[in-house]
Protein backbone atom coordinates (compact mmCIF):
# COMPACT_ATOMS: atom_id res chain seq x y z
CA UNK A 1 190.22 171.23 95.43
CA UNK A 2 190.18 167.50 95.42
CA UNK A 3 190.38 167.36 99.20
CA UNK A 4 187.42 169.72 99.63
CA UNK A 5 185.33 167.70 97.25
CA UNK A 6 186.28 164.58 99.10
CA UNK A 7 185.22 166.15 102.40
CA UNK A 8 181.85 167.20 100.93
CA UNK A 9 181.11 163.77 99.55
CA UNK A 10 182.15 161.97 102.65
CA UNK A 11 180.12 164.35 104.83
CA UNK A 12 176.84 164.03 102.89
CA UNK A 13 176.11 160.29 103.31
CA UNK A 14 175.38 160.95 106.99
CA UNK A 15 172.22 162.81 105.95
CA UNK A 16 171.20 160.72 102.94
CA UNK A 17 169.68 157.68 104.73
CA UNK A 18 167.31 159.95 106.65
CA UNK A 19 166.35 161.91 103.59
CA UNK A 20 165.89 158.70 101.66
CA UNK A 21 163.72 157.26 104.43
CA UNK A 22 161.50 160.35 104.46
CA UNK A 23 161.24 160.28 100.70
CA UNK A 24 160.14 156.66 100.79
CA UNK A 25 157.56 157.47 103.46
CA UNK A 26 156.16 160.34 101.35
CA UNK A 27 155.92 158.08 98.32
CA UNK A 28 154.05 155.52 100.37
CA UNK A 29 151.64 158.15 101.61
CA UNK A 30 151.00 159.45 98.11
CA UNK A 31 150.47 155.98 96.72
CA UNK A 32 147.73 155.48 99.31
CA UNK A 33 145.80 158.56 98.14
CA UNK A 34 143.18 156.66 96.15
CA UNK A 35 139.37 156.50 96.19
CA UNK A 36 138.52 153.50 98.32
CA UNK A 37 135.35 151.39 98.47
CA UNK A 38 134.00 153.36 101.43
CA UNK A 39 134.02 156.60 99.42
CA UNK A 40 132.15 154.95 96.54
CA UNK A 41 129.62 153.38 98.89
CA UNK A 42 129.03 156.64 100.74
CA UNK A 43 128.46 158.56 97.49
CA UNK A 44 126.19 155.82 96.09
CA UNK A 45 124.05 155.80 99.23
CA UNK A 46 123.80 159.61 99.25
CA UNK A 47 122.71 159.84 95.60
CA UNK A 48 120.34 156.90 95.96
CA UNK A 49 118.63 158.53 98.95
CA UNK A 50 118.50 161.93 97.22
CA UNK A 51 116.81 160.45 94.13
CA UNK A 52 114.30 158.59 96.32
CA UNK A 53 113.40 161.74 98.24
CA UNK A 54 113.13 163.74 95.02
CA UNK A 55 110.87 161.12 93.43
CA UNK A 56 108.65 160.95 96.53
CA UNK A 57 108.48 164.74 96.65
CA UNK A 58 107.43 164.90 93.02
CA UNK A 59 104.61 162.41 93.62
CA UNK A 60 103.38 164.33 96.68
CA UNK A 61 103.57 167.65 94.83
CA UNK A 62 101.55 166.23 91.93
CA UNK A 63 98.88 164.95 94.32
CA UNK A 64 98.58 168.43 95.82
CA UNK A 65 98.41 169.96 92.32
CA UNK A 66 95.60 167.60 91.34
CA UNK A 67 93.75 168.44 94.57
CA UNK A 68 93.81 172.05 93.37
CA UNK A 69 92.66 170.94 89.89
CA UNK A 70 96.08 171.72 88.42
CA UNK A 71 98.02 169.60 85.94
CA UNK A 72 100.69 167.19 87.23
CA UNK A 73 104.20 167.38 85.75
CA UNK A 74 106.69 164.52 85.73
CA UNK A 75 110.46 164.81 85.50
CA UNK A 76 112.75 161.79 85.16
CA UNK A 77 116.36 161.39 86.23
CA UNK A 78 117.78 160.36 82.86
CA UNK A 79 121.37 159.90 84.03
CA UNK A 80 123.68 160.55 86.95
CA UNK A 81 127.44 160.74 86.38
CA UNK A 82 130.10 161.67 88.86
CA UNK A 83 133.88 161.80 88.75
CA UNK A 84 136.38 161.72 91.61
CA UNK A 85 139.85 163.25 91.60
CA UNK A 86 142.69 163.25 94.10
CA UNK A 87 145.73 165.49 94.13
CA UNK A 88 148.72 165.29 96.47
CA UNK A 89 152.14 166.87 96.97
CA UNK A 90 155.05 166.21 99.29
CA UNK A 91 158.42 167.73 100.08
CA UNK A 92 161.50 166.63 102.02
CA UNK A 93 164.39 168.81 103.31
CA UNK A 94 167.58 167.83 105.12
CA UNK A 95 170.62 169.62 106.52
CA UNK A 96 173.94 168.53 107.90
CA UNK A 97 175.81 170.88 110.23
CA UNK A 98 179.48 170.13 110.84
CA UNK A 99 179.86 169.17 114.43
CA UNK A 100 176.13 169.49 115.06
CA UNK A 101 173.02 167.36 114.75
CA UNK A 102 171.49 166.52 111.42
CA UNK A 103 167.96 167.82 110.69
CA UNK A 104 165.27 166.41 108.44
CA UNK A 105 162.00 168.15 107.44
CA UNK A 106 158.99 166.90 105.48
CA UNK A 107 155.74 168.39 104.18
CA UNK A 108 152.69 166.75 102.61
CA UNK A 109 149.43 168.11 101.15
CA UNK A 110 146.46 166.81 99.20
CA UNK A 111 143.13 167.67 97.57
CA UNK A 112 139.95 165.66 96.94
CA UNK A 113 137.04 166.60 94.71
CA UNK A 114 133.81 165.06 93.44
CA UNK A 115 132.02 166.43 90.36
CA UNK A 116 128.51 165.03 89.76
CA UNK A 117 126.35 165.81 86.75
CA UNK A 118 122.61 165.04 86.78
CA UNK A 119 120.48 164.96 83.63
CA UNK A 120 116.71 165.38 83.85
CA UNK A 121 114.25 164.58 81.08
CA UNK A 122 110.72 165.85 80.63
CA UNK A 123 108.72 163.02 79.00
CA UNK A 124 106.02 165.01 77.24
CA UNK A 125 105.43 162.12 74.90
CA UNK A 126 102.29 160.48 73.69
CA UNK A 127 103.69 157.14 74.81
CA UNK A 128 104.34 158.24 78.39
CA UNK A 129 100.99 159.91 79.05
CA UNK A 130 99.28 157.14 77.15
CA UNK A 131 100.62 154.72 79.75
CA UNK A 132 99.33 156.86 82.62
CA UNK A 133 95.86 157.12 81.10
CA UNK A 134 95.49 153.47 80.07
CA UNK A 135 93.68 151.04 82.41
CA UNK A 136 95.92 148.82 84.48
CA UNK A 137 96.21 145.31 83.09
CA UNK A 138 95.65 142.11 85.05
CA UNK A 139 99.39 141.37 84.75
CA UNK A 140 100.32 144.70 86.33
CA UNK A 141 97.94 144.07 89.20
CA UNK A 142 99.38 140.56 89.59
CA UNK A 143 102.90 141.99 89.86
CA UNK A 144 101.91 144.16 92.82
CA UNK A 145 100.18 141.28 94.64
CA UNK A 146 103.23 139.07 94.08
CA UNK A 147 105.47 141.87 95.37
CA UNK A 148 103.79 141.53 98.77
CA UNK A 149 101.32 144.41 98.81
CA UNK A 150 98.01 143.66 100.51
CA UNK A 151 95.82 142.00 97.86
CA UNK A 152 92.59 143.63 99.08
CA UNK A 153 94.11 147.11 99.01
CA UNK A 154 95.68 146.58 95.59
CA UNK A 155 92.45 145.35 94.01
CA UNK A 156 90.19 147.97 95.55
CA UNK A 157 92.60 150.75 94.64
CA UNK A 158 93.37 149.67 91.08
CA UNK A 159 89.99 148.34 89.86
CA UNK A 160 87.05 150.21 88.38
CA UNK A 161 84.96 147.06 87.97
CA UNK A 162 85.10 143.32 88.69
CA UNK A 163 82.54 141.30 86.69
CA UNK A 164 79.32 143.32 87.07
CA UNK A 165 80.34 145.01 90.36
CA UNK A 166 81.37 148.62 89.94
CA UNK A 167 83.78 150.56 92.17
CA UNK A 168 83.64 154.27 93.00
CA UNK A 169 84.11 156.74 90.19
CA UNK A 170 86.61 159.42 91.15
CA UNK A 171 84.94 162.82 91.19
CA UNK A 172 86.80 165.78 92.71
CA UNK A 173 83.63 167.90 92.53
CA UNK A 174 81.82 165.47 94.87
CA UNK A 175 78.76 165.28 92.62
CA UNK A 176 78.75 161.61 91.53
CA UNK A 177 77.03 159.23 93.99
CA UNK A 178 78.42 155.72 94.60
CA UNK A 179 77.07 153.08 92.19
CA UNK A 180 74.39 150.68 93.46
CA UNK A 181 76.87 147.79 93.45
CA UNK A 182 79.51 149.61 95.54
CA UNK A 183 78.65 147.85 98.80
CA UNK A 184 78.80 144.48 97.04
CA UNK A 185 82.14 145.48 95.53
CA UNK A 186 83.56 146.12 99.01
CA UNK A 187 82.04 142.93 100.44
CA UNK A 188 83.65 140.88 97.66
CA UNK A 189 87.17 141.82 98.68
CA UNK A 190 86.51 141.49 102.39
CA UNK A 191 85.29 137.94 101.78
CA UNK A 192 88.14 137.15 99.40
CA UNK A 193 90.72 138.18 101.99
CA UNK A 194 88.93 136.35 104.82
CA UNK A 195 88.54 133.12 102.87
CA UNK A 196 92.14 133.30 101.71
CA UNK A 197 93.33 133.50 105.33
CA UNK A 198 91.07 130.57 106.25
CA UNK A 199 92.50 128.45 103.44
CA UNK A 200 89.14 128.02 101.71
CA UNK A 201 90.02 130.20 98.72
CA UNK A 202 93.43 130.52 97.15
CA UNK A 203 94.08 133.88 95.60
CA UNK A 204 97.26 134.24 93.58
CA UNK A 205 99.04 133.35 90.33
CA UNK A 206 97.84 130.19 88.64
CA UNK A 207 97.14 128.65 85.25
CA UNK A 208 94.49 130.48 83.29
CA UNK A 209 92.92 130.04 79.88
CA UNK A 210 92.01 132.65 77.32
CA UNK A 211 89.89 132.34 74.19
CA UNK A 212 92.00 133.05 71.10
CA UNK A 213 89.33 132.74 68.44
CA UNK A 214 85.71 133.81 68.26
CA UNK A 215 83.21 131.17 69.51
CA UNK A 216 81.67 129.11 66.71
CA UNK A 217 78.61 126.87 66.85
CA UNK A 218 79.28 123.79 64.72
CA UNK A 219 75.56 123.15 64.40
CA UNK A 220 74.89 126.61 63.02
CA UNK A 221 75.41 125.45 59.43
CA UNK A 222 77.99 128.14 58.84
CA UNK A 223 80.62 126.18 56.91
CA UNK A 224 82.77 129.25 56.46
CA UNK A 225 82.92 129.81 60.22
CA UNK A 226 83.82 126.15 60.82
CA UNK A 227 86.46 126.29 58.11
CA UNK A 228 87.89 129.47 59.60
CA UNK A 229 88.04 127.91 63.04
CA UNK A 230 89.75 124.81 61.64
CA UNK A 231 92.34 127.01 59.95
CA UNK A 232 92.97 128.82 63.23
CA UNK A 233 93.40 125.54 65.07
CA UNK A 234 95.97 124.30 62.57
CA UNK A 235 97.77 127.63 62.55
CA UNK A 236 97.95 127.88 66.36
CA UNK A 237 98.63 124.23 67.12
CA UNK A 238 102.33 124.80 67.70
CA UNK A 239 101.55 127.75 70.00
CA UNK A 240 99.72 125.58 72.52
CA UNK A 241 96.21 126.32 71.34
CA UNK A 242 93.45 123.92 72.30
CA UNK A 243 89.88 123.61 71.00
CA UNK A 244 87.40 123.71 73.89
CA UNK A 245 83.63 123.55 73.99
CA UNK A 246 82.20 126.30 76.19
CA UNK A 247 79.07 126.24 78.35
CA UNK A 248 76.89 127.54 75.53
CA UNK A 249 77.68 124.64 73.18
CA UNK A 250 80.15 126.61 71.09
CA UNK A 251 83.71 125.72 70.20
CA UNK A 252 86.57 128.11 70.76
CA UNK A 253 90.34 127.99 70.51
CA UNK A 254 91.99 128.61 73.87
CA UNK A 255 95.53 129.33 74.99
CA UNK A 256 96.81 128.68 78.51
CA UNK A 257 98.81 131.30 80.38
CA UNK A 258 99.90 132.10 83.95
CA UNK A 259 97.32 134.43 85.48
CA UNK A 260 96.09 135.72 88.79
CA UNK A 261 93.33 133.30 89.80
CA UNK A 262 90.69 132.56 92.41
CA UNK A 263 90.57 128.87 93.34
CA UNK A 264 88.06 127.29 95.73
CA UNK A 265 89.12 124.45 98.02
CA UNK A 266 86.78 121.40 98.32
CA UNK A 267 85.92 122.45 101.88
CA UNK A 268 84.61 125.77 100.54
CA UNK A 269 81.44 123.94 99.47
CA UNK A 270 80.40 123.97 103.16
CA UNK A 271 81.22 127.64 103.72
CA UNK A 272 78.45 130.24 103.62
CA UNK A 273 81.05 132.94 102.97
CA UNK A 274 82.42 131.06 99.97
CA UNK A 275 78.93 130.64 98.55
CA UNK A 276 78.29 134.34 99.09
CA UNK A 277 81.49 135.18 97.17
CA UNK A 278 80.31 133.03 94.27
CA UNK A 279 76.97 134.85 94.27
CA UNK A 280 78.56 138.28 94.32
CA UNK A 281 80.74 137.46 91.30
CA UNK A 282 78.06 135.40 89.51
CA UNK A 283 80.52 132.49 89.21
CA UNK A 284 79.72 129.20 87.52
CA UNK A 285 78.78 126.80 90.37
CA UNK A 286 80.25 123.83 88.49
CA UNK A 287 83.78 125.29 88.45
CA UNK A 288 86.32 125.80 91.24
CA UNK A 289 89.05 127.73 89.41
CA UNK A 290 88.59 131.15 87.84
CA UNK A 291 91.31 133.07 86.03
CA UNK A 292 91.34 136.83 86.52
CA UNK A 293 91.91 138.73 83.28
CA UNK A 294 91.00 141.93 81.46
CA UNK A 295 87.25 142.31 81.03
CA UNK A 296 87.40 142.40 77.23
CA UNK A 297 89.39 139.14 77.15
CA UNK A 298 86.90 137.14 79.20
CA UNK A 299 85.36 134.36 77.10
CA UNK A 300 81.82 135.29 78.07
CA UNK A 301 82.35 138.87 76.89
CA UNK A 302 84.06 137.82 73.66
CA UNK A 303 81.25 135.43 72.87
CA UNK A 304 78.60 138.06 73.48
CA UNK A 305 80.48 140.65 71.48
CA UNK A 306 80.68 138.19 68.58
CA UNK A 307 76.90 137.73 68.68
CA UNK A 308 76.13 141.38 69.44
CA UNK A 309 74.47 140.41 72.72
CA UNK A 310 74.28 142.45 75.93
CA UNK A 311 77.68 142.61 77.69
CA UNK A 312 77.89 140.24 80.63
CA UNK A 313 79.09 143.13 82.85
CA UNK A 314 75.61 144.67 82.42
CA UNK A 315 73.63 141.44 82.72
CA UNK A 316 72.83 140.24 86.27
CA UNK A 317 71.79 136.86 84.82
CA UNK A 318 75.22 136.19 83.28
CA UNK A 319 77.22 133.24 84.59
CA UNK A 320 80.97 133.84 84.64
CA UNK A 321 83.59 131.13 84.06
CA UNK A 322 86.34 133.71 84.61
CA UNK A 323 86.73 136.90 86.60
CA UNK A 324 86.79 139.98 84.41
CA UNK A 325 88.77 142.99 85.61
CA UNK A 326 88.46 146.56 84.42
CA UNK A 327 91.39 148.53 85.83
CA UNK A 328 91.64 152.17 86.68
CA UNK A 329 94.25 154.30 84.98
CA UNK A 330 97.20 155.66 86.95
CA UNK A 331 95.85 159.18 86.51
CA UNK A 332 92.51 158.09 87.98
CA UNK A 333 94.27 156.46 90.93
CA UNK A 334 96.25 159.64 91.54
CA UNK A 335 93.03 161.66 91.42
CA UNK A 336 91.59 159.30 94.02
CA UNK A 337 94.68 159.72 96.21
CA UNK A 338 94.57 163.51 95.83
CA UNK A 339 91.19 163.61 97.58
CA UNK A 340 93.03 162.78 100.82
CA UNK A 341 95.02 166.05 100.72
CA UNK A 342 93.85 168.26 103.60
CA UNK A 343 93.75 171.79 102.20
CA UNK A 344 93.78 174.92 104.39
CA UNK A 345 90.40 176.30 105.43
CA UNK A 346 91.24 179.64 103.82
CA UNK A 347 91.49 177.97 100.39
CA UNK A 348 88.11 176.30 100.87
CA UNK A 349 86.56 179.58 101.97
CA UNK A 350 88.11 181.35 98.99
CA UNK A 351 86.51 178.82 96.66
CA UNK A 352 89.75 177.87 94.91
CA UNK A 353 89.37 174.18 95.77
CA UNK A 354 86.43 171.78 96.21
CA UNK A 355 85.66 170.14 99.51
CA UNK A 356 87.08 166.63 99.55
CA UNK A 357 84.59 163.91 98.57
CA UNK A 358 84.14 161.13 101.15
CA UNK A 359 86.38 158.16 100.35
CA UNK A 360 86.12 154.80 102.12
CA UNK A 361 88.58 152.74 100.11
CA UNK A 362 91.64 151.48 102.06
CA UNK A 363 93.95 152.30 99.19
CA UNK A 364 92.98 155.96 99.38
CA UNK A 365 91.61 156.49 102.88
CA UNK A 366 94.80 154.95 104.25
CA UNK A 367 96.64 157.96 102.86
CA UNK A 368 96.47 161.05 105.07
CA UNK A 369 98.25 164.13 103.65
CA UNK A 370 98.19 166.98 106.15
CA UNK A 371 98.88 170.69 105.67
CA UNK A 372 100.44 173.35 107.85
CA UNK A 373 101.55 176.96 107.57
CA UNK A 374 104.78 176.09 109.42
CA UNK A 375 107.34 173.53 108.31
CA UNK A 376 106.54 170.25 110.13
CA UNK A 377 109.26 168.66 112.23
CA UNK A 378 107.77 165.15 112.33
CA UNK A 379 107.32 164.56 108.59
CA UNK A 380 108.84 161.67 106.68
CA UNK A 381 107.97 163.55 103.49
CA UNK A 382 107.07 167.22 103.01
CA UNK A 383 106.76 169.71 100.17
CA UNK A 384 105.90 173.40 100.05
CA UNK A 385 103.19 174.50 97.65
CA UNK A 386 101.14 177.71 97.44
CA UNK A 387 102.93 178.98 100.54
CA UNK A 388 101.74 175.96 102.55
CA UNK A 389 103.49 172.81 103.74
CA UNK A 390 101.93 169.46 102.79
CA UNK A 391 103.31 166.36 104.47
CA UNK A 392 102.94 162.79 105.72
CA UNK A 393 103.74 162.26 109.38
CA UNK A 394 106.68 160.01 110.14
CA UNK A 395 104.70 157.84 112.56
CA UNK A 396 101.72 157.44 110.19
CA UNK A 397 102.61 153.94 109.02
CA UNK A 398 99.32 153.41 107.22
CA UNK A 399 99.85 156.49 105.06
CA UNK A 400 103.46 155.54 104.36
CA UNK A 401 102.35 152.08 103.23
CA UNK A 402 99.63 153.58 101.00
CA UNK A 403 102.17 156.02 99.51
CA UNK A 404 104.56 153.14 98.79
CA UNK A 405 101.77 151.34 96.92
CA UNK A 406 101.07 154.51 94.94
CA UNK A 407 104.73 154.74 93.91
CA UNK A 408 104.75 151.06 92.95
CA UNK A 409 101.64 151.53 90.79
CA UNK A 410 103.31 154.49 89.11
CA UNK A 411 106.46 152.46 88.46
CA UNK A 412 104.65 149.57 86.75
CA UNK A 413 102.59 151.91 84.57
CA UNK A 414 104.73 154.93 83.73
CA UNK A 415 108.20 153.46 83.63
CA UNK A 416 110.89 155.35 81.75
CA UNK A 417 110.53 156.77 78.26
CA UNK A 418 113.91 156.77 76.46
CA UNK A 419 114.85 159.85 74.49
CA UNK A 420 112.35 162.13 76.24
CA UNK A 421 112.87 165.83 75.51
CA UNK A 422 113.81 168.47 76.40
CA UNK A 423 116.92 167.57 78.37
CA UNK A 424 118.18 169.61 81.32
CA UNK A 425 121.70 168.87 82.54
CA UNK A 426 122.87 170.34 85.83
CA UNK A 427 126.46 170.21 87.09
CA UNK A 428 126.32 169.98 90.88
CA UNK A 429 128.93 171.79 92.97
């Protein structure tokens, strides 16, 4: 008994090193079964691209809906969570045959899985739609210009009025004629861009001033008004307020802020184009720097509102010391963009959609949304609606640029509304 056991023990070590080596190799292989940086990067890129395409598709679908006089609907990606898991198994076998060769066998297996969960929110909130229907502010327009979008296109797309010059009013029924000042409105931005390139006019962020208090005439004999103004000056002194006498002999408390501005170079005094730009905007000839701000915040409008006078935007004799902007709402801009959707002839003949009104603005005319009964093969973006494909051609760079501006405008106005309801959560297999 003892001798047999001795033979068994002494015979086994011949196999053990090989088995041990295979076991160590299996352990090394299993320890390497982890999620590396390349897997994370690949998944991140895939989800990022999928969200971009989904967001672009939603915008295009809403433009088509509005072309058909239907309501747009907006979904948000509230959250995206994904988990990775790795499973592995390994086995090692070994035999020792007396007088024969040893044999070693090994097996290895593994599994990999990814489990994403996407949560969508439907922001049917007063706050969200309030943002989309509110006029764009001067700061929002400034952000887009600073981001590198063409200043002329941004201004002509996002503005309803600049000083007394009125832009087109969006009308899907094609019944509203252009305003009398529309040609002057277009000329203003052509000149602004030309003079900016020539270095005669600087157009961009600069220091601007805004009236904080109502204008008060010291010589009016209104002691209460003077006392009120003095109180405001003392109260706002630490906030950088400054008392300034305006061109109408009234005193007003001003604050200085960073604003989009138009600034004339000294050489602009010899430029006929620069003088024409001043005439179009009714600018004060004694000034060379004009802050661009919301129409209702312009000092000339505040002063007239205080006195109950005619608004400067309706007075061709008004002299502006600032440039007043009245922005379009995001919904109005989307309506404008929807006019570029080419609908099928059968829908026009059936009377379910109006003929597109003529649009000559670069921000809208630069967008060309085509339609086809067959799925297009050359489309950078396409959606199917009412049994028809609507798309933007991949080589239509002008339309792609205009669509990017539209998305940027939507981002700075709509944003994300936290806690929007209802919530839809989808596990993705």
